[in-house]
Structures are given as structure tokens and as C-alpha cells.
All heavy atoms as atom14 arrays in JSON, in Angstrom:
{
  "sequence": "VVTVQEDVIALDAKVNFDDNALFRHKDILEYRDLDEEDPLEIE",
  "atom14_mask": [
    [1, 1, 1, 1, 1, 1, 1, 0, 0, 0, 0, 0, 0, 0],
    [1, 1, 1, 1, 1, 1, 1, 0, 0, 0, 0, 0, 0, 0],
    [1, 1, 1, 1, 1, 1, 1, 0, 0, 0, 0, 0, 0, 0],
    [1, 1, 1, 1, 1, 1, 1, 0, 0, 0, 0, 0, 0, 0],
    [1, 1, 1, 1, 1, 1, 1, 1, 1, 0, 0, 0, 0, 0],
    [1, 1, 1, 1, 1, 1, 1, 1, 1, 0, 0, 0, 0, 0],
    [1, 1, 1, 1, 1, 1, 1, 1, 0, 0, 0, 0, 0, 0],
    [1, 1, 1, 1, 1, 1, 1, 0, 0, 0, 0, 0, 0, 0],
    [1, 1, 1, 1, 1, 1, 1, 1, 0, 0, 0, 0, 0, 0],
    [1, 1, 1, 1, 1, 0, 0, 0, 0, 0, 0, 0, 0, 0],
    [1, 1, 1, 1, 1, 1, 1, 1, 0, 0, 0, 0, 0, 0],
    [1, 1, 1, 1, 1, 1, 1, 1, 0, 0, 0, 0, 0, 0],
    [1, 1, 1, 1, 1, 0, 0, 0, 0, 0, 0, 0, 0, 0],
    [1, 1, 1, 1, 1, 1, 1, 1, 1, 0, 0, 0, 0, 0],
    [1, 1, 1, 1, 1, 1, 1, 0, 0, 0, 0, 0, 0, 0],
    [1, 1, 1, 1, 1, 1, 1, 1, 0, 0, 0, 0, 0, 0],
    [1, 1, 1, 1, 1, 1, 1, 1, 1, 1, 1, 0, 0, 0],
    [1, 1, 1, 1, 1, 1, 1, 1, 0, 0, 0, 0, 0, 0],
    [1, 1, 1, 1, 1, 1, 1, 1, 0, 0, 0, 0, 0, 0],
    [1, 1, 1, 1, 1, 1, 1, 1, 0, 0, 0, 0, 0, 0],
    [1, 1, 1, 1, 1, 0, 0, 0, 0, 0, 0, 0, 0, 0],
    [1, 1, 1, 1, 1, 1, 1, 1, 0, 0, 0, 0, 0, 0],
    [1, 1, 1, 1, 1, 1, 1, 1, 1, 1, 1, 0, 0, 0],
    [1, 1, 1, 1, 1, 1, 1, 1, 1, 1, 1, 0, 0, 0],
    [1, 1, 1, 1, 1, 1, 1, 1, 1, 1, 0, 0, 0, 0],
    [1, 1, 1, 1, 1, 1, 1, 1, 1, 0, 0, 0, 0, 0],
    [1, 1, 1, 1, 1, 1, 1, 1, 0, 0, 0, 0, 0, 0],
    [1, 1, 1, 1, 1, 1, 1, 1, 0, 0, 0, 0, 0, 0],
    [1, 1, 1, 1, 1, 1, 1, 1, 0, 0, 0, 0, 0, 0],
    [1, 1, 1, 1, 1, 1, 1, 1, 1, 0, 0, 0, 0, 0],
    [1, 1, 1, 1, 1, 1, 1, 1, 1, 1, 1, 1, 0, 0],
    [1, 1, 1, 1, 1, 1, 1, 1, 1, 1, 1, 0, 0, 0],
    [1, 1, 1, 1, 1, 1, 1, 1, 0, 0, 0, 0, 0, 0],
    [1, 1, 1, 1, 1, 1, 1, 1, 0, 0, 0, 0, 0, 0],
    [1, 1, 1, 1, 1, 1, 1, 1, 0, 0, 0, 0, 0, 0],
    [1, 1, 1, 1, 1, 1, 1, 1, 1, 0, 0, 0, 0, 0],
    [1, 1, 1, 1, 1, 1, 1, 1, 1, 0, 0, 0, 0, 0],
    [1, 1, 1, 1, 1, 1, 1, 1, 0, 0, 0, 0, 0, 0],
    [1, 1, 1, 1, 1, 1, 1, 0, 0, 0, 0, 0, 0, 0],
    [1, 1, 1, 1, 1, 1, 1, 1, 0, 0, 0, 0, 0, 0],
    [1, 1, 1, 1, 1, 1, 1, 1, 1, 0, 0, 0, 0, 0],
    [1, 1, 1, 1, 1, 1, 1, 1, 0, 0, 0, 0, 0, 0],
    [1, 1, 1, 1, 1, 1, 1, 1, 1, 0, 0, 0, 0, 0]
  ],
  "atom14_positions": [
    [[22.15, 14.16, 1.88], [23.6, 14.24, 2.04], [24.22, 12.86, 2.2], [23.59, 11.92, 2.69], [24.0, 15.12, 3.26], [23.45, 16.53, 3.08], [23.52, 14.52, 4.57], [0.0, 0.0, 0.0], [0.0, 0.0, 0.0], [0.0, 0.0, 0.0], [0.0, 0.0, 0.0], [0.0, 0.0, 0.0], [0.0, 0.0, 0.0], [0.0, 0.0, 0.0]],
    [[25.47, 12.78, 1.74], [26.33, 11.64, 2.04], [27.38, 12.16, 3.01], [28.05, 13.16, 2.74], [27.01, 11.09, 0.76], [27.9, 9.91, 1.12], [25.97, 10.68, -0.26], [0.0, 0.0, 0.0], [0.0, 0.0, 0.0], [0.0, 0.0, 0.0], [0.0, 0.0, 0.0], [0.0, 0.0, 0.0], [0.0, 0.0, 0.0], [0.0, 0.0, 0.0]],
    [[27.49, 11.51, 4.16], [28.44, 11.96, 5.17], [29.84, 11.41, 4.88], [30.02, 10.57, 4.0], [28.01, 11.51, 6.57], [28.09, 10.08, 6.65], [26.58, 11.97, 6.87], [0.0, 0.0, 0.0], [0.0, 0.0, 0.0], [0.0, 0.0, 0.0], [0.0, 0.0, 0.0], [0.0, 0.0, 0.0], [0.0, 0.0, 0.0], [0.0, 0.0, 0.0]],
    [[30.8, 11.87, 5.65], [32.17, 11.37, 5.53], [32.2, 9.87, 5.8], [33.02, 9.14, 5.23], [33.08, 12.14, 6.51], [34.48, 11.52, 6.53], [33.16, 13.62, 6.13], [0.0, 0.0, 0.0], [0.0, 0.0, 0.0], [0.0, 0.0, 0.0], [0.0, 0.0, 0.0], [0.0, 0.0, 0.0], [0.0, 0.0, 0.0], [0.0, 0.0, 0.0]],
    [[31.28, 9.41, 6.65], [31.21, 7.98, 6.98], [30.41, 7.2, 5.93], [30.16, 6.0, 6.11], [30.55, 7.79, 8.35], [31.35, 8.39, 9.52], [31.17, 9.92, 9.63], [30.19, 10.47, 9.13], [32.12, 10.58, 10.27], [0.0, 0.0, 0.0], [0.0, 0.0, 0.0], [0.0, 0.0, 0.0], [0.0, 0.0, 0.0], [0.0, 0.0, 0.0]],
    [[29.98, 7.88, 4.87], [29.21, 7.3, 3.76], [27.79, 6.9, 4.14], [27.19, 6.02, 3.51], [29.96, 6.13, 3.1], [31.25, 6.55, 2.43], [31.79, 5.5, 1.47], [31.39, 5.54, 0.28], [32.58, 4.65, 1.91], [0.0, 0.0, 0.0], [0.0, 0.0, 0.0], [0.0, 0.0, 0.0], [0.0, 0.0, 0.0], [0.0, 0.0, 0.0]],
    [[27.27, 7.51, 5.18], [25.85, 7.36, 5.47], [25.06, 8.29, 4.54], [25.53, 9.39, 4.2], [25.54, 7.74, 6.92], [26.15, 6.75, 7.91], [26.08, 5.54, 7.65], [26.7, 7.2, 8.93], [0.0, 0.0, 0.0], [0.0, 0.0, 0.0], [0.0, 0.0, 0.0], [0.0, 0.0, 0.0], [0.0, 0.0, 0.0], [0.0, 0.0, 0.0]],
    [[23.87, 7.86, 4.14], [23.0, 8.68, 3.28], [21.83, 9.13, 4.15], [21.06, 8.31, 4.65], [22.5, 7.89, 2.06], [21.67, 8.78, 1.14], [23.69, 7.29, 1.29], [0.0, 0.0, 0.0], [0.0, 0.0, 0.0], [0.0, 0.0, 0.0], [0.0, 0.0, 0.0], [0.0, 0.0, 0.0], [0.0, 0.0, 0.0], [0.0, 0.0, 0.0]],
    [[21.69, 10.46, 4.31], [20.76, 11.0, 5.3], [19.93, 12.13, 4.68], [20.46, 12.97, 3.93], [21.52, 11.53, 6.53], [22.27, 10.38, 7.21], [20.58, 12.21, 7.52], [23.15, 10.81, 8.37], [0.0, 0.0, 0.0], [0.0, 0.0, 0.0], [0.0, 0.0, 0.0], [0.0, 0.0, 0.0], [0.0, 0.0, 0.0], [0.0, 0.0, 0.0]],
    [[18.66, 12.16, 5.02], [17.77, 13.23, 4.57], [17.97, 14.44, 5.49], [17.43, 14.49, 6.59], [16.32, 12.78, 4.59], [0.0, 0.0, 0.0], [0.0, 0.0, 0.0], [0.0, 0.0, 0.0], [0.0, 0.0, 0.0], [0.0, 0.0, 0.0], [0.0, 0.0, 0.0], [0.0, 0.0, 0.0], [0.0, 0.0, 0.0], [0.0, 0.0, 0.0]],
    [[18.75, 15.4, 5.03], [19.03, 16.58, 5.84], [17.84, 17.54, 5.84], [17.65, 18.32, 6.77], [20.28, 17.29, 5.31], [20.96, 18.28, 6.26], [21.45, 17.57, 7.51], [22.11, 18.99, 5.57], [0.0, 0.0, 0.0], [0.0, 0.0, 0.0], [0.0, 0.0, 0.0], [0.0, 0.0, 0.0], [0.0, 0.0, 0.0], [0.0, 0.0, 0.0]],
    [[17.06, 17.49, 4.8], [15.86, 18.32, 4.7], [14.68, 17.41, 4.37], [14.86, 16.24, 3.99], [16.04, 19.38, 3.6], [14.87, 20.35, 3.51], [14.31, 20.69, 4.57], [14.51, 20.76, 2.4], [0.0, 0.0, 0.0], [0.0, 0.0, 0.0], [0.0, 0.0, 0.0], [0.0, 0.0, 0.0], [0.0, 0.0, 0.0], [0.0, 0.0, 0.0]],
    [[13.46, 17.91, 4.5], [12.29, 17.1, 4.16], [11.12, 18.02, 3.84], [10.77, 18.9, 4.63], [11.92, 16.18, 5.33], [0.0, 0.0, 0.0], [0.0, 0.0, 0.0], [0.0, 0.0, 0.0], [0.0, 0.0, 0.0], [0.0, 0.0, 0.0], [0.0, 0.0, 0.0], [0.0, 0.0, 0.0], [0.0, 0.0, 0.0], [0.0, 0.0, 0.0]],
    [[10.54, 17.8, 2.67], [9.35, 18.55, 2.27], [8.35, 17.54, 1.7], [8.68, 16.81, 0.76], [9.69, 19.61, 1.23], [8.5, 20.41, 0.74], [8.93, 21.49, -0.25], [7.75, 22.32, -0.73], [8.18, 23.38, -1.68], [0.0, 0.0, 0.0], [0.0, 0.0, 0.0], [0.0, 0.0, 0.0], [0.0, 0.0, 0.0], [0.0, 0.0, 0.0]],
    [[7.15, 17.51, 2.26], [6.12, 16.59, 1.79], [4.8, 17.34, 1.66], [4.36, 17.99, 2.61], [5.94, 15.39, 2.75], [4.88, 14.43, 2.21], [7.26, 14.66, 2.96], [0.0, 0.0, 0.0], [0.0, 0.0, 0.0], [0.0, 0.0, 0.0], [0.0, 0.0, 0.0], [0.0, 0.0, 0.0], [0.0, 0.0, 0.0], [0.0, 0.0, 0.0]],
    [[4.18, 17.26, 0.48], [2.84, 17.79, 0.25], [1.9, 16.63, -0.06], [2.31, 15.61, -0.62], [2.83, 18.78, -0.91], [3.66, 20.02, -0.64], [4.07, 20.26, 0.49], [3.9, 20.81, -1.67], [0.0, 0.0, 0.0], [0.0, 0.0, 0.0], [0.0, 0.0, 0.0], [0.0, 0.0, 0.0], [0.0, 0.0, 0.0], [0.0, 0.0, 0.0]],
    [[0.62, 16.83, 0.27], [-0.37, 15.77, 0.11], [-1.51, 16.22, -0.81], [-1.86, 17.41, -0.84], [-0.95, 15.35, 1.46], [0.09, 14.93, 2.45], [0.66, 15.86, 3.32], [0.53, 13.62, 2.51], [1.64, 15.48, 4.22], [1.51, 13.23, 3.4], [2.06, 14.17, 4.26], [0.0, 0.0, 0.0], [0.0, 0.0, 0.0], [0.0, 0.0, 0.0]],
    [[-2.09, 15.27, -1.51], [-3.27, 15.53, -2.34], [-4.46, 15.8, -1.43], [-4.89, 14.92, -0.68], [-3.54, 14.31, -3.23], [-4.7, 14.53, -4.2], [-5.47, 15.51, -4.02], [-4.85, 13.72, -5.13], [0.0, 0.0, 0.0], [0.0, 0.0, 0.0], [0.0, 0.0, 0.0], [0.0, 0.0, 0.0], [0.0, 0.0, 0.0], [0.0, 0.0, 0.0]],
    [[-4.98, 17.02, -1.48], [-6.1, 17.39, -0.61], [-7.3, 16.48, -0.79], [-8.05, 16.22, 0.15], [-6.52, 18.85, -0.87], [-5.48, 19.84, -0.4], [-4.63, 19.46, 0.42], [-5.51, 21.0, -0.86], [0.0, 0.0, 0.0], [0.0, 0.0, 0.0], [0.0, 0.0, 0.0], [0.0, 0.0, 0.0], [0.0, 0.0, 0.0], [0.0, 0.0, 0.0]],
    [[-7.49, 15.99, -2.02], [-8.65, 15.15, -2.3], [-8.57, 13.77, -1.65], [-9.57, 13.05, -1.62], [-8.82, 14.99, -3.82], [-9.12, 16.3, -4.5], [-10.02, 17.02, -4.1], [-8.35, 16.65, -5.52], [0.0, 0.0, 0.0], [0.0, 0.0, 0.0], [0.0, 0.0, 0.0], [0.0, 0.0, 0.0], [0.0, 0.0, 0.0], [0.0, 0.0, 0.0]],
    [[-7.39, 13.41, -1.16], [-7.23, 12.09, -0.53], [-7.09, 12.17, 0.98], [-6.92, 11.14, 1.63], [-5.99, 11.4, -1.12], [0.0, 0.0, 0.0], [0.0, 0.0, 0.0], [0.0, 0.0, 0.0], [0.0, 0.0, 0.0], [0.0, 0.0, 0.0], [0.0, 0.0, 0.0], [0.0, 0.0, 0.0], [0.0, 0.0, 0.0], [0.0, 0.0, 0.0]],
    [[-7.19, 13.37, 1.54], [-6.96, 13.51, 2.98], [-8.0, 12.8, 3.82], [-7.75, 12.48, 4.99], [-6.9, 15.0, 3.35], [-5.63, 15.73, 2.91], [-5.74, 17.21, 3.21], [-4.39, 15.15, 3.59], [0.0, 0.0, 0.0], [0.0, 0.0, 0.0], [0.0, 0.0, 0.0], [0.0, 0.0, 0.0], [0.0, 0.0, 0.0], [0.0, 0.0, 0.0]],
    [[-9.18, 12.55, 3.25], [-10.2, 11.82, 4.03], [-9.73, 10.42, 4.41], [-10.24, 9.82, 5.35], [-11.5, 11.73, 3.21], [-11.43, 10.8, 2.03], [-11.85, 9.48, 2.15], [-10.96, 11.24, 0.8], [-11.79, 8.62, 1.07], [-10.89, 10.38, -0.29], [-11.31, 9.06, -0.16], [0.0, 0.0, 0.0], [0.0, 0.0, 0.0], [0.0, 0.0, 0.0]],
    [[-8.71, 9.92, 3.7], [-8.17, 8.59, 4.0], [-7.07, 8.65, 5.06], [-6.6, 7.6, 5.51], [-7.59, 7.96, 2.73], [-8.62, 7.59, 1.7], [-8.04, 6.6, 0.7], [-7.09, 7.18, -0.22], [-7.25, 7.21, -1.54], [-8.35, 6.71, -2.08], [-6.34, 7.73, -2.32], [0.0, 0.0, 0.0], [0.0, 0.0, 0.0], [0.0, 0.0, 0.0]],
    [[-6.63, 9.86, 5.41], [-5.45, 9.99, 6.26], [-5.71, 10.97, 7.4], [-5.22, 12.11, 7.41], [-4.25, 10.44, 5.42], [-4.01, 9.63, 4.2], [-3.62, 8.31, 4.26], [-4.13, 9.93, 2.88], [-3.5, 7.83, 3.02], [-3.81, 8.78, 2.18], [0.0, 0.0, 0.0], [0.0, 0.0, 0.0], [0.0, 0.0, 0.0], [0.0, 0.0, 0.0]],
    [[-6.48, 10.53, 8.38], [-6.81, 11.38, 9.51], [-5.56, 11.77, 10.29], [-5.5, 12.87, 10.87], [-7.8, 10.67, 10.44], [-9.09, 10.19, 9.75], [-9.87, 11.32, 9.14], [-11.17, 10.82, 8.51], [-11.91, 11.9, 7.81], [0.0, 0.0, 0.0], [0.0, 0.0, 0.0], [0.0, 0.0, 0.0], [0.0, 0.0, 0.0], [0.0, 0.0, 0.0]],
    [[-4.56, 10.9, 10.31], [-3.33, 11.23, 11.03], [-2.59, 12.38, 10.37], [-1.94, 13.19, 11.06], [-2.42, 9.99, 11.13], [-2.14, 9.34, 9.78], [-2.95, 9.53, 8.85], [-1.12, 8.64, 9.65], [0.0, 0.0, 0.0], [0.0, 0.0, 0.0], [0.0, 0.0, 0.0], [0.0, 0.0, 0.0], [0.0, 0.0, 0.0], [0.0, 0.0, 0.0]],
    [[-2.67, 12.49, 9.06], [-2.01, 13.59, 8.36], [-2.76, 14.9, 8.62], [-2.14, 15.97, 8.77], [-1.92, 13.31, 6.85], [-1.08, 12.06, 6.6], [-1.33, 14.51, 6.11], [0.35, 12.15, 7.11], [0.0, 0.0, 0.0], [0.0, 0.0, 0.0], [0.0, 0.0, 0.0], [0.0, 0.0, 0.0], [0.0, 0.0, 0.0], [0.0, 0.0, 0.0]],
    [[-4.06, 14.85, 8.7], [-4.85, 16.06, 8.98], [-4.45, 16.69, 10.31], [-4.56, 17.91, 10.48], [-6.34, 15.73, 8.98], [-7.01, 15.62, 7.61], [-8.43, 15.1, 7.76], [-7.01, 16.97, 6.9], [0.0, 0.0, 0.0], [0.0, 0.0, 0.0], [0.0, 0.0, 0.0], [0.0, 0.0, 0.0], [0.0, 0.0, 0.0], [0.0, 0.0, 0.0]],
    [[-3.97, 15.88, 11.24], [-3.53, 16.4, 12.53], [-2.29, 17.28, 12.4], [-1.98, 18.06, 13.29], [-3.26, 15.25, 13.5], [-4.52, 14.47, 13.86], [-4.23, 13.29, 14.77], [-3.05, 13.11, 15.15], [-5.17, 12.54, 15.1], [0.0, 0.0, 0.0], [0.0, 0.0, 0.0], [0.0, 0.0, 0.0], [0.0, 0.0, 0.0], [0.0, 0.0, 0.0]],
    [[-1.56, 17.14, 11.3], [-0.37, 17.96, 11.07], [-0.71, 19.36, 10.56], [0.17, 20.22, 10.46], [0.54, 17.29, 10.02], [1.34, 16.11, 10.52], [1.64, 15.05, 9.67], [1.82, 16.05, 11.82], [2.38, 13.97, 10.1], [2.56, 14.98, 12.27], [2.84, 13.94, 11.4], [3.6, 12.88, 11.83], [0.0, 0.0, 0.0], [0.0, 0.0, 0.0]],
    [[-1.95, 19.6, 10.19], [-2.32, 20.88, 9.6], [-2.01, 22.04, 10.55], [-2.39, 22.02, 11.72], [-3.8, 20.89, 9.23], [-4.23, 22.12, 8.43], [-5.7, 22.05, 8.06], [-6.1, 23.2, 7.25], [-7.35, 23.48, 6.91], [-8.34, 22.68, 7.31], [-7.62, 24.54, 6.18], [0.0, 0.0, 0.0], [0.0, 0.0, 0.0], [0.0, 0.0, 0.0]],
    [[-1.34, 23.07, 10.04], [-0.98, 24.25, 10.82], [-1.7, 25.45, 10.21], [-1.29, 25.99, 9.18], [0.54, 24.47, 10.79], [0.99, 25.61, 11.71], [0.11, 26.35, 12.2], [2.21, 25.74, 11.93], [0.0, 0.0, 0.0], [0.0, 0.0, 0.0], [0.0, 0.0, 0.0], [0.0, 0.0, 0.0], [0.0, 0.0, 0.0], [0.0, 0.0, 0.0]],
    [[-2.78, 25.88, 10.86], [-3.6, 26.96, 10.32], [-2.86, 28.29, 10.31], [-3.2, 29.19, 9.54], [-4.9, 27.08, 11.12], [-5.83, 25.86, 11.08], [-7.09, 26.13, 11.88], [-6.18, 25.51, 9.64], [0.0, 0.0, 0.0], [0.0, 0.0, 0.0], [0.0, 0.0, 0.0], [0.0, 0.0, 0.0], [0.0, 0.0, 0.0], [0.0, 0.0, 0.0]],
    [[-1.83, 28.42, 11.16], [-1.04, 29.66, 11.18], [-0.3, 29.87, 9.87], [0.1, 30.99, 9.55], [-0.03, 29.64, 12.33], [-0.7, 29.79, 13.69], [-1.84, 30.3, 13.73], [-0.08, 29.42, 14.71], [0.0, 0.0, 0.0], [0.0, 0.0, 0.0], [0.0, 0.0, 0.0], [0.0, 0.0, 0.0], [0.0, 0.0, 0.0], [0.0, 0.0, 0.0]],
    [[-0.08, 28.79, 9.13], [0.67, 28.87, 7.88], [-0.24, 29.03, 6.65], [0.25, 29.09, 5.53], [1.52, 27.61, 7.71], [2.66, 27.49, 8.71], [3.75, 28.52, 8.49], [4.09, 28.8, 7.33], [4.25, 29.07, 9.49], [0.0, 0.0, 0.0], [0.0, 0.0, 0.0], [0.0, 0.0, 0.0], [0.0, 0.0, 0.0], [0.0, 0.0, 0.0]],
    [[-1.54, 29.07, 6.87], [-2.47, 29.15, 5.75], [-3.14, 30.51, 5.68], [-3.27, 31.21, 6.68], [-3.53, 28.05, 5.87], [-2.96, 26.64, 5.81], [-4.03, 25.57, 5.87], [-5.17, 25.85, 5.44], [-3.74, 24.46, 6.35], [0.0, 0.0, 0.0], [0.0, 0.0, 0.0], [0.0, 0.0, 0.0], [0.0, 0.0, 0.0], [0.0, 0.0, 0.0]],
    [[-3.58, 30.87, 4.48], [-4.29, 32.12, 4.27], [-5.64, 32.06, 4.99], [-6.38, 31.09, 4.85], [-4.51, 32.34, 2.77], [-5.14, 33.68, 2.46], [-6.38, 33.78, 2.63], [-4.43, 34.6, 2.05], [0.0, 0.0, 0.0], [0.0, 0.0, 0.0], [0.0, 0.0, 0.0], [0.0, 0.0, 0.0], [0.0, 0.0, 0.0], [0.0, 0.0, 0.0]],
    [[-6.0, 33.1, 5.78], [-7.27, 33.07, 6.53], [-8.5, 32.87, 5.64], [-9.44, 32.18, 6.03], [-7.31, 34.44, 7.21], [-5.87, 34.86, 7.32], [-5.21, 34.3, 6.1], [0.0, 0.0, 0.0], [0.0, 0.0, 0.0], [0.0, 0.0, 0.0], [0.0, 0.0, 0.0], [0.0, 0.0, 0.0], [0.0, 0.0, 0.0], [0.0, 0.0, 0.0]],
    [[-8.48, 33.47, 4.44], [-9.62, 33.3, 3.54], [-9.7, 31.87, 3.01], [-10.8, 31.33, 2.83], [-9.53, 34.29, 2.38], [-9.67, 35.77, 2.75], [-9.54, 36.65, 1.51], [-11.01, 36.04, 3.43], [0.0, 0.0, 0.0], [0.0, 0.0, 0.0], [0.0, 0.0, 0.0], [0.0, 0.0, 0.0], [0.0, 0.0, 0.0], [0.0, 0.0, 0.0]],
    [[-8.55, 31.24, 2.78], [-8.55, 29.86, 2.31], [-9.03, 28.91, 3.42], [-9.71, 27.92, 3.15], [-7.15, 29.47, 1.83], [-6.72, 30.24, 0.58], [-5.32, 29.88, 0.11], [-4.75, 28.89, 0.62], [-4.79, 30.6, -0.76], [0.0, 0.0, 0.0], [0.0, 0.0, 0.0], [0.0, 0.0, 0.0], [0.0, 0.0, 0.0], [0.0, 0.0, 0.0]],
    [[-8.7, 29.25, 4.66], [-9.19, 28.45, 5.79], [-10.71, 28.54, 5.87], [-11.4, 27.54, 6.03], [-8.55, 28.94, 7.11], [-7.04, 28.68, 7.1], [-9.19, 28.23, 8.3], [-6.31, 29.32, 8.26], [0.0, 0.0, 0.0], [0.0, 0.0, 0.0], [0.0, 0.0, 0.0], [0.0, 0.0, 0.0], [0.0, 0.0, 0.0], [0.0, 0.0, 0.0]],
    [[-11.23, 29.76, 5.75], [-12.67, 29.96, 5.81], [-13.37, 29.22, 4.66], [-14.42, 28.61, 4.86], [-12.99, 31.46, 5.74], [-14.46, 31.82, 5.88], [-15.04, 31.46, 7.23], [-14.26, 31.34, 8.21], [-16.26, 31.28, 7.31], [0.0, 0.0, 0.0], [0.0, 0.0, 0.0], [0.0, 0.0, 0.0], [0.0, 0.0, 0.0], [0.0, 0.0, 0.0]]
  ]
}
């Protein structure tokens, strides 16, 4: 969004990561929410 004051702001945010590169990003792995994943895919 551009506000009335002409600031440019990310009102929403969606970020997906390449699973094959997650071994390089241990901090991102901490964001994983198993409640949002299919139980069979988790297994």
C-alpha cells in the first residue's frame, strides 16, 4: 500500500522457501508450524 502520507508499506506478507535449501537456514526451520501441515506429509 501507499498511504495518504506517501509511505510505501507491506500490508501483507507471504514467503515460501525452497525445501531443498532449508539445511542452510536453521533459523527458518524454527518457523515451521506442524499444525498447518498434512499429518501424512509430516510423517
